[in-house]
Each structure stands twice: as structure tokens, then as C-alpha cells.
Protein backbone atom coordinates (compact mmCIF):
# COMPACT_ATOMS: atom_id res chain seq x y z
CA MET A 1 105.44 91.21 118.08
CA ASP A 2 108.44 89.68 116.29
CA SER A 3 109.76 91.09 113.00
CA SER A 4 108.33 88.28 110.83
CA LYS A 5 104.83 88.79 112.24
CA GLU A 6 105.13 92.55 111.82
CA LEU A 7 106.24 92.06 108.20
CA ALA A 8 103.26 89.77 107.57
CA TYR A 9 100.82 92.41 108.87
CA THR A 10 102.53 95.05 106.73
CA ASP A 11 102.20 92.85 103.64
CA LEU A 12 98.54 92.19 104.45
CA ASP A 13 97.74 95.87 104.81
CA TRP A 14 99.60 96.65 101.58
CA ALA A 15 97.75 93.92 99.66
CA ILE A 16 94.17 94.58 100.78
CA GLY A 17 94.30 98.02 102.40
CA ILE A 18 92.70 100.09 99.63
CA ASN A 19 89.97 97.51 98.98
CA ARG A 20 89.22 97.22 102.68
CA ILE A 21 88.93 100.99 103.17
CA SER A 22 86.67 101.54 100.16
CA LEU A 23 84.30 98.68 101.05
CA LYS A 24 84.25 99.64 104.74
CA ILE A 25 83.08 103.12 103.72
CA LEU A 26 80.16 101.44 101.95
CA GLY A 27 79.49 98.95 104.75
CA LEU A 28 80.25 96.03 102.41
CA TRP A 29 83.59 94.69 103.68
CA PRO A 30 83.10 91.00 104.65
CA ASP A 31 84.55 90.54 108.13
CA GLU A 32 83.32 87.70 110.32
CA LYS A 33 85.18 89.10 113.34
CA LEU A 34 82.88 92.11 113.65
CA SER A 35 80.61 92.29 116.68
CA ARG A 36 76.83 92.27 116.29
CA ARG A 37 76.73 96.04 116.83
CA GLN A 38 79.46 96.65 114.24
CA LYS A 39 77.64 94.49 111.69
CA PHE A 40 74.40 96.38 112.35
CA LEU A 41 76.12 99.73 111.81
CA ALA A 42 77.74 98.47 108.59
CA ASP A 43 74.39 97.21 107.29
CA PHE A 44 72.70 100.47 108.27
CA ARG A 45 75.37 102.46 106.41
CA ALA A 46 74.89 100.24 103.35
CA PHE A 47 71.11 100.73 103.53
CA VAL A 48 71.45 104.52 103.69
CA ILE A 49 73.84 104.58 100.72
CA PHE A 50 71.64 102.27 98.64
CA THR A 51 68.51 104.30 99.43
CA THR A 52 70.24 107.57 98.56
CA MET A 53 71.55 106.31 95.22
CA PHE A 54 68.19 104.81 94.25
CA TRP A 55 65.93 107.75 95.16
CA VAL A 56 68.29 110.59 94.19
CA SER A 57 69.72 109.33 90.89
CA VAL A 58 68.42 105.96 89.65
CA LEU A 59 64.63 106.46 89.83
CA PRO A 60 64.68 110.16 88.72
CA GLY A 61 66.99 109.09 85.88
CA LEU A 62 64.46 106.52 84.69
CA LEU A 63 61.67 109.13 84.83
CA ALA A 64 63.84 111.49 82.78
CA LEU A 65 64.46 108.72 80.24
CA LEU A 66 60.70 108.30 79.77
CA ARG A 67 60.30 112.05 79.18
CA VAL A 68 62.98 112.22 76.46
CA TRP A 69 61.97 108.93 74.81
CA GLY A 70 62.27 109.34 71.04
CA ASP A 71 65.09 111.91 71.13
CA MET A 72 68.11 109.72 70.40
CA LEU A 73 70.77 112.17 71.62
CA ALA A 74 68.87 112.92 74.84
CA MET A 75 68.25 109.22 75.46
CA THR A 76 71.93 108.46 74.88
CA ASP A 77 72.99 111.24 77.25
CA ASN A 78 70.62 109.82 79.86
CA MET A 79 71.72 106.21 79.54
CA GLN A 80 75.47 106.86 79.52
CA ILE A 81 75.15 107.84 83.19
CA GLY A 82 71.87 106.10 84.02
CA LEU A 83 73.19 102.68 83.03
CA PRO A 84 76.32 102.92 85.24
CA PHE A 85 74.18 104.11 88.16
CA SER A 86 71.68 101.27 87.71
CA ILE A 87 74.36 98.61 87.36
CA THR A 88 76.21 100.03 90.38
CA VAL A 89 73.07 99.74 92.52
CA MET A 90 72.61 96.15 91.32
CA LYS A 91 76.24 95.29 92.16
CA PHE A 92 75.84 97.01 95.52
CA VAL A 93 72.76 94.92 96.40
CA ILE A 94 74.36 91.62 95.29
CA MET A 95 77.52 92.34 97.28
CA TRP A 96 75.45 93.35 100.30
CA LEU A 97 73.26 90.22 100.22
CA ARG A 98 76.20 87.84 99.65
CA LYS A 99 78.57 89.48 102.10
CA LYS A 100 78.24 86.71 104.67
CA GLU A 101 79.21 84.01 102.11
CA LEU A 102 82.38 85.97 101.31
CA GLU A 103 83.50 86.29 104.93
CA PRO A 104 85.32 82.89 104.99
CA ILE A 105 87.16 83.84 101.77
CA VAL A 106 88.41 87.10 103.29
CA SER A 107 89.41 85.23 106.47
CA MET A 108 91.31 82.74 104.29
CA ILE A 109 93.19 85.61 102.61
CA VAL A 110 94.13 87.09 105.98
CA GLU A 111 95.33 83.69 107.27
CA ASP A 112 97.38 83.07 104.12
CA TRP A 113 99.20 86.38 104.54
CA LEU A 114 99.80 85.92 108.28
CA ARG A 115 100.92 82.28 108.24
CA THR A 116 104.57 81.34 108.12
CA LYS A 117 105.79 81.34 104.50
CA THR A 118 108.99 80.71 102.61
CA THR A 119 110.61 83.61 100.79
CA GLN A 120 109.51 82.13 97.46
CA GLU A 121 105.89 81.84 98.60
CA ARG A 122 105.89 85.44 99.86
CA ASP A 123 107.36 86.69 96.58
CA THR A 124 104.66 84.83 94.64
CA MET A 125 101.90 86.36 96.74
CA ILE A 126 103.44 89.83 96.47
CA ARG A 127 103.70 89.50 92.69
CA GLN A 128 100.03 88.57 92.26
CA ALA A 129 98.88 91.14 94.82
CA ARG A 130 100.79 93.82 92.91
CA PHE A 131 98.61 93.20 89.86
CA ALA A 132 95.47 93.56 91.97
CA ARG A 133 96.82 96.71 93.63
CA MET A 134 97.70 98.29 90.27
CA MET A 135 94.11 97.71 89.12
CA VAL A 136 92.78 99.29 92.32
CA VAL A 137 94.95 102.39 91.89
CA PHE A 138 94.05 102.71 88.20
CA GLY A 139 90.35 102.34 88.98
CA CYS A 140 90.52 104.95 91.75
CA VAL A 141 92.35 107.45 89.53
CA MET A 142 89.95 107.03 86.60
CA MET A 143 86.83 107.17 88.77
CA SER A 144 88.14 110.26 90.58
CA PHE A 145 88.76 111.91 87.23
CA ALA A 146 85.29 111.02 85.92
CA SER A 147 83.61 112.19 89.14
CA ALA A 148 85.53 115.47 89.09
CA ILE A 149 84.46 116.16 85.50
CA LEU A 150 80.84 115.42 86.38
CA ILE A 151 80.73 117.53 89.57
CA ILE A 152 83.18 120.45 89.34
CA PRO A 153 82.50 122.08 85.89
CA PRO A 154 78.76 122.68 86.54
CA ILE A 155 79.71 124.75 89.58
CA PHE A 156 81.43 127.22 87.22
CA GLY A 157 78.67 127.16 84.61
CA TYR A 158 80.01 124.44 82.32
CA THR A 159 78.31 121.13 81.69
CA THR A 160 79.32 117.78 80.23
CA ARG A 161 75.72 116.93 79.34
CA TYR A 162 73.38 117.28 76.39
CA LEU A 163 70.78 119.69 77.75
CA THR A 164 67.07 119.46 76.90
CA ASN A 165 64.09 121.56 77.97
CA LEU A 166 62.20 118.42 78.90
CA THR A 167 64.46 117.60 81.85
CA ASP A 168 66.39 120.87 82.30
CA PRO A 169 63.77 123.65 82.27
CA GLY A 170 65.84 125.85 84.60
CA ARG A 171 69.28 125.33 86.05
CA PRO A 172 70.78 122.01 84.87
CA MET A 173 71.38 119.09 87.19
CA LEU A 174 74.64 117.14 87.43
CA VAL A 175 72.91 114.13 85.84
CA GLN A 176 69.79 114.00 83.67
CA THR A 177 66.96 113.50 86.17
CA TYR A 178 63.32 114.43 86.60
CA TYR A 179 61.69 115.02 90.00
CA LEU A 180 57.98 115.18 90.72
CA ARG A 181 58.21 118.68 92.16
CA ASP A 182 59.97 121.87 91.06
CA ILE A 183 63.52 121.83 92.42
CA THR A 184 64.90 124.82 90.47
CA GLU A 185 64.31 127.21 93.36
CA THR A 186 66.61 127.82 96.31
CA PRO A 187 67.25 125.91 98.58
CA TYR A 188 65.83 122.81 96.83
CA TYR A 189 68.23 123.14 93.91
CA GLU A 190 71.31 123.30 96.15
CA ILE A 191 70.07 120.36 98.23
CA VAL A 192 69.51 118.20 95.13
CA ILE A 193 72.89 119.19 93.66
CA ALA A 194 74.62 118.22 96.93
CA ALA A 195 72.69 114.93 97.04
CA GLN A 196 73.57 114.13 93.41
CA ALA A 197 77.24 114.93 94.04
CA SER A 198 77.19 112.59 97.05
CA THR A 199 75.59 109.78 95.04
CA ILE A 200 78.16 110.24 92.26
CA LEU A 201 81.00 109.84 94.78
CA VAL A 202 79.57 106.77 96.53
CA ALA A 203 78.61 105.24 93.16
CA ALA A 204 82.20 105.72 91.96
CA ILE A 205 83.54 104.04 95.11
CA SER A 206 81.01 101.21 94.76
CA TYR A 207 81.63 100.67 91.05
CA THR A 208 85.41 100.47 91.40
CA GLY A 209 85.54 98.93 94.87
CA ILE A 210 83.37 95.90 94.06
CA ASP A 211 85.15 95.24 90.75
CA THR A 212 88.62 95.46 92.24
CA PHE A 213 87.50 93.32 95.20
CA LEU A 214 86.70 90.55 92.73
CA GLY A 215 90.16 91.04 91.25
CA LEU A 216 91.71 90.87 94.73
CA LEU A 217 90.00 87.53 95.47
CA VAL A 218 90.91 85.92 92.16
CA PHE A 219 94.52 87.13 92.13
CA HIS A 220 95.02 85.81 95.66
CA ILE A 221 93.71 82.41 94.59
CA CYS A 222 96.00 82.54 91.55
CA ALA A 223 98.94 83.11 93.89
CA GLN A 224 97.92 80.12 96.03
CA LEU A 225 97.55 77.96 92.91
CA GLU A 226 101.05 78.95 91.82
CA ILE A 227 102.40 78.06 95.26
CA LEU A 228 100.51 74.76 95.07
CA LYS A 229 102.07 74.01 91.69
CA GLU A 230 105.58 74.56 93.08
CA ARG A 231 104.75 72.36 96.04
CA MET A 232 103.56 69.65 93.67
CA ILE A 233 106.74 69.85 91.63
CA ASN A 234 108.83 69.57 94.81
CA LEU A 235 106.70 66.87 96.41
CA ASP A 236 109.80 64.73 96.97
CA ASN A 237 111.03 67.27 99.54
CA PHE A 238 108.41 66.01 102.00
CA LYS A 239 109.70 63.40 104.40
CA ASP A 240 106.55 61.34 103.89
CA PHE A 241 105.04 61.25 100.38
CA SER A 242 101.49 60.44 101.53
CA THR A 243 101.46 63.27 104.08
CA GLY A 244 102.77 65.76 101.53
CA LEU A 245 100.23 64.67 98.91
CA ALA A 246 97.36 64.78 101.40
CA PHE A 247 98.36 68.32 102.39
CA THR A 248 98.51 69.33 98.71
CA ILE A 249 95.08 67.83 97.91
CA LYS A 250 93.54 69.50 100.94
CA ASP A 251 94.92 72.86 99.84
CA HIS A 252 93.72 72.30 96.27
CA LEU A 253 90.17 71.51 97.45
CA ARG A 254 90.21 74.63 99.64
CA LEU A 255 90.96 76.79 96.58
CA ILE A 256 88.33 75.02 94.45
CA ARG A 257 85.67 75.68 97.09
CA SER A 258 86.75 79.32 97.23
CA VAL A 259 86.33 79.71 93.47
CA ASP A 260 82.87 78.10 93.71
CA VAL A 261 81.85 80.65 96.35
CA ILE A 262 83.17 83.52 94.24
CA ASP A 263 81.37 82.24 91.14
CA ASN A 264 78.09 81.76 93.02
CA THR A 265 78.38 85.30 94.37
CA PHE A 266 79.34 87.17 91.22
CA ASN A 267 77.98 85.13 88.27
CA LEU A 268 74.64 86.99 88.00
CA MET A 269 76.41 90.29 88.39
CA LEU A 270 78.85 89.39 85.62
CA LEU A 271 75.99 88.38 83.32
CA ALA A 272 74.30 91.73 83.87
CA LEU A 273 77.63 93.48 83.29
CA LEU A 274 78.02 91.78 79.91
CA VAL A 275 74.68 93.23 78.80
CA TYR A 276 75.54 96.60 80.36
CA PHE A 277 78.92 96.79 78.62
CA ALA A 278 77.42 95.92 75.24
CA MET A 279 74.75 98.61 75.60
CA LEU A 280 77.11 101.31 76.88
CA PHE A 281 79.74 100.50 74.24
CA CYS A 282 77.08 100.96 71.53
CA LEU A 283 75.92 104.24 73.05
CA GLN A 284 79.45 105.62 73.36
CA GLY A 285 80.25 104.58 69.79
CA PHE A 286 77.06 106.27 68.59
CA LEU A 287 77.89 109.50 70.42
CA ILE A 288 81.47 109.59 69.14
CA VAL A 289 80.38 109.07 65.52
CA THR A 290 77.64 111.69 65.94
CA ILE A 291 80.15 114.20 67.30
CA ILE A 292 82.58 113.49 64.46
CA ASP A 293 79.77 113.99 61.91
CA GLY A 294 78.83 117.29 63.59
CA ASP A 295 75.24 116.21 64.31
CA ALA A 296 75.53 116.63 68.07
CA GLY A 297 75.61 120.43 68.01
CA GLU A 298 78.28 122.39 69.84
CA VAL A 299 80.34 120.01 71.95
CA SER A 300 82.48 121.31 74.81
CA PHE A 301 85.95 120.06 75.64
CA MET A 302 84.72 118.93 79.05
CA ARG A 303 82.01 116.79 77.45
CA ILE A 304 84.58 115.10 75.22
CA CYS A 305 86.75 114.42 78.30
CA TRP A 306 83.70 112.95 80.04
CA LEU A 307 82.91 110.65 77.11
CA VAL A 308 86.53 109.47 76.89
CA SER A 309 86.77 108.84 80.65
CA ILE A 310 83.53 106.81 80.65
CA LEU A 311 84.69 104.80 77.64
CA ILE A 312 88.08 104.02 79.24
CA ASN A 313 86.46 103.16 82.59
CA THR A 314 83.91 100.82 81.06
CA PHE A 315 86.45 99.17 78.78
CA ALA A 316 89.02 98.72 81.57
CA HIS A 317 86.56 97.25 84.09
CA MET A 318 85.10 94.78 81.58
CA CYS A 319 88.62 93.81 80.54
CA LEU A 320 89.47 93.29 84.22
CA TYR A 321 86.79 90.61 84.62
CA CYS A 322 87.97 88.73 81.55
CA VAL A 323 91.69 89.05 82.35
CA VAL A 324 91.35 87.69 85.88
CA GLY A 325 89.17 84.86 84.54
CA GLU A 326 91.79 84.01 81.91
CA ILE A 327 94.62 84.06 84.46
CA LEU A 328 92.62 81.84 86.83
CA ILE A 329 92.11 79.24 84.08
CA ALA A 330 95.84 79.28 83.24
CA LYS A 331 96.92 78.87 86.88
CA ALA A 332 94.46 76.00 87.40
CA GLU A 333 95.71 74.22 84.28
CA ALA A 334 99.28 74.57 85.54
CA ILE A 335 98.35 72.30 88.47
CA PHE A 336 97.30 69.57 86.05
CA TYR A 337 100.55 69.79 84.08
CA ALA A 338 102.61 69.83 87.29
CA VAL A 339 101.00 66.54 88.35
CA TYR A 340 101.27 65.14 84.81
CA ASN A 341 105.00 65.93 84.62
CA TYR A 342 105.74 64.59 88.08
CA THR A 343 107.98 61.51 88.17
CA TRP A 344 105.11 59.24 89.16
CA TYR A 345 106.82 56.27 87.50
CA LEU A 346 109.43 56.30 90.29
CA ARG A 347 106.69 55.76 92.87
CA THR A 348 104.99 52.59 93.99
CA PRO A 349 101.73 51.67 92.17
CA ASN A 350 99.69 52.65 95.23
CA GLU A 351 101.37 56.08 95.43
CA ALA A 352 100.97 56.64 91.67
CA LYS A 353 97.27 55.81 91.99
CA LYS A 354 96.90 58.54 94.63
CA LEU A 355 98.32 61.08 92.18
CA MET A 356 95.48 60.33 89.79
CA MET A 357 92.98 61.86 92.23
CA ILE A 358 94.48 65.34 92.03
CA MET A 359 95.14 64.96 88.29
CA MET A 360 91.51 64.06 87.55
CA ARG A 361 90.24 67.07 89.50
CA ALA A 362 92.85 69.45 88.07
CA GLU A 363 91.83 68.41 84.55
CA LYS A 364 88.47 70.12 85.07
CA PRO A 365 88.74 73.86 84.21
CA LEU A 366 88.51 76.30 87.09
CA TYR A 367 86.87 79.57 86.12
CA ILE A 368 84.41 82.28 87.01
CA THR A 369 81.36 82.61 84.77
CA ALA A 370 78.68 85.04 83.69
CA GLY A 371 75.37 83.52 84.72
CA LYS A 372 76.88 80.01 84.91
CA MET A 373 76.93 80.10 81.08
CA PHE A 374 79.90 82.07 79.75
CA PRO A 375 83.41 81.60 81.20
CA MET A 376 85.08 84.98 81.63
CA THR A 377 87.94 84.85 79.13
CA LEU A 378 89.65 87.24 76.73
CA SER A 379 88.00 85.49 73.78
CA LEU A 380 84.60 86.38 75.31
CA PHE A 381 85.76 89.98 75.66
CA CYS A 382 86.82 90.17 72.00
CA SER A 383 83.54 88.61 70.85
CA LEU A 384 81.59 91.07 72.97
CA ILE A 385 83.38 94.07 71.46
CA LYS A 386 82.89 92.73 67.93
CA THR A 387 79.16 92.17 68.49
CA SER A 388 78.64 95.52 70.23
CA ALA A 389 80.44 97.44 67.49
CA GLY A 390 78.13 95.87 64.92
CA TYR A 391 75.07 97.39 66.63
CA ILE A 392 76.45 100.94 66.42
CA SER A 393 75.35 101.04 62.79
CA VAL A 394 71.82 100.15 63.92
CA LEU A 395 71.73 103.20 66.20
CA LEU A 396 73.14 105.44 63.47
CA ALA A 397 70.47 104.25 61.05
CA ASN A 398 67.71 105.19 63.52
CA ARG A 399 68.97 108.54 64.78
């Protein structure tokens, strides 16, 4: 293998390595080169993880919520972990069902990294991939911290939860759950604690891995759009104008189709995440105000750390969706302005007419949406925070 090819594989592994490892653990990494046996094993692993999360944490959490219904603090304690678990299972299922549609996108990313590139094109891809990688590392650190707070302190007798006799009649669980049989006796208690710890870890990997995978896809497309813009600006460098323009249009259409696939895959998930973020933001705001007022009883330092970590995690992940959506819109608009500012007036009328094709398509915004209704932008994020904060007063009035 020559040095350029070896460098390309190194860049590829650096850009997608963490995402690939995390999603392979879950059986969710889209790879069309897998054999039938490998795909079966990946699907089986995904099925086992989904089943474990649902039966160990999600369903018992819902039963516990019904038992504490009416106690605002207990309900809030339940939902601040129950909501992330439920939304993680939903994201897991959507990613699992749409994995096949994402396989061509992942193959496209691999081909883009392995193809022959100029130094400028490589630098552009590295720059965009660095943003995606920073988000992956940040997400992994924060989720590891949150998981450690949720799992380790209870082993030494400390808890981050608001305990209630309705769901914690004996030794407390890691998360607020209710099971149909008594699990406070040995060895049932230890088995359930181990199962809950396992679901917390895989839920953390799923929550962060799927979010950062979306960031990886969008940032890669942003890099290709930036390369396309530079190619459009330097269209005169092609020996034949028509060939160069045809190559540019073909590449532009490839990226547009990729964004359509991403939007079709993630739009329902993003819509659910908008609702989830609004609800969790209200609950966290309610808990913080209650703690400040002293109405939450004795609050441990570990519980405060847990609340802060959940708030930062939720805020950062929701901001991630909106930031990548905003950047995608800006990069797509740059294509339009590159065509608009091109010296078309120095071309023949027939050649200038061909430029209108890419200009007309580039004029249409390129974005990812929540439920095909709300483009993911920073203005949407600000509006969501403003609306969610307004409902905190409603919870305080009904506590």
C-alpha cells in the first residue's frame, strides 16, 4: 500500500473511528459490505440490547411513574431518567429500522476519504471532521460522567435519587422502577442492579452514538459542499467547461440526495426530541428552583452533580442538532452565491444558460427538519428554550 493510500485510511479511521466503534457495539453501524451472517449477528445484538433496555428500565419506569402519580417531586425524579431512557429506545429503533437506507451514505463517506484529493480538499474535510470528532469526545465524556454518578455512588450507600416508599420499599434501585415481584432479596436484587447498570451503559452509548452519528453525516456533507463551492469558483481551471460543470452538478445532486435520505431517516426522531427536550428542560428547571427554595428536602452533592450533568447533556445534544442544521443551510447557500458570483457574462449564452440549472437548485434551502415541519436552526433552539422556560412557572404553581 502506497503512502497516500495509507494516509487516506488513517484519516478515515480518525474521522469515523469512535462513531463506528460505538454503533458496532450496538449492532447499528450501517455497512453494506457485511456478509449475511455478520448482518444477522449485528441485528441479533441490537435486538438483545433493545429488549434489555425496554424490559429492565423503560417498562418498570412507566409502572413506577403510575405508582407515584400526584407526587410532583417523585414524578419529576422518575421522568428525568425515564424520559431519556424512553427517547433512547425510540432513537435506537428508528436507527435500527433505517440502517439499510443509511448504508449508501456511509459508503459515500468512505469513498470520499479514500479517493484521490488535493491538499486543500483534504484540509477542508479534516476541518469539518474535527468538529464532529470534538462533539463525539464531549458526548462520550459527559455520558461517562453521568453514568458513573448514576451507578457508582449507590454501591457505597449514596444515591442521586429522590427516594419514596412507593417504589423503594427496601434497598433503592439505580433508577426509579417498579417490578411485579419482590426483588429486594438476594440474589434478585443484585441481578436487577447489574441489569440496570448494563442498560444505563448501553443507553448512554446509544444516546450519544446516534446523535453524534447524525453530526458526522451532516459535517461530512458540509465539507463536500465547501469543496464543491471552491470547485465552482475555479470552474475555469477545467479544460472543458461543459465537462467541469457536468461533474459539479452531478456532485451537487449526490449531496442533495444524501441530505434527503438523512432527513427521511431522522425527521421523526428530531420531532420527538423537540418534545422531549421541552419536557426535560421544564422538569430540570422545576427541580433546580425547588432545591433553591429548600422544598426538596435534604439534597446530596451527588444529586446536584447528577442534575447538572443531565442538564448539560440534554442542552448540548439539542444544541448539536440545531447547530449542524444551521451550518448545513449556510454551506448550501454558499453554493448559490458561488454560482451567482461566477463570471458567467464571459461565457457563451448556451454555457451561461447551463449555469442557471445549478443556481436554481442551489437557491432552494438544504436542511434537516423535525417532522418535515421545523428546520433545525439556532432560532428554533432559542424559541424552544424560551417556550420551555415559560412552562416552569406552571409546574411551580402546581407543586
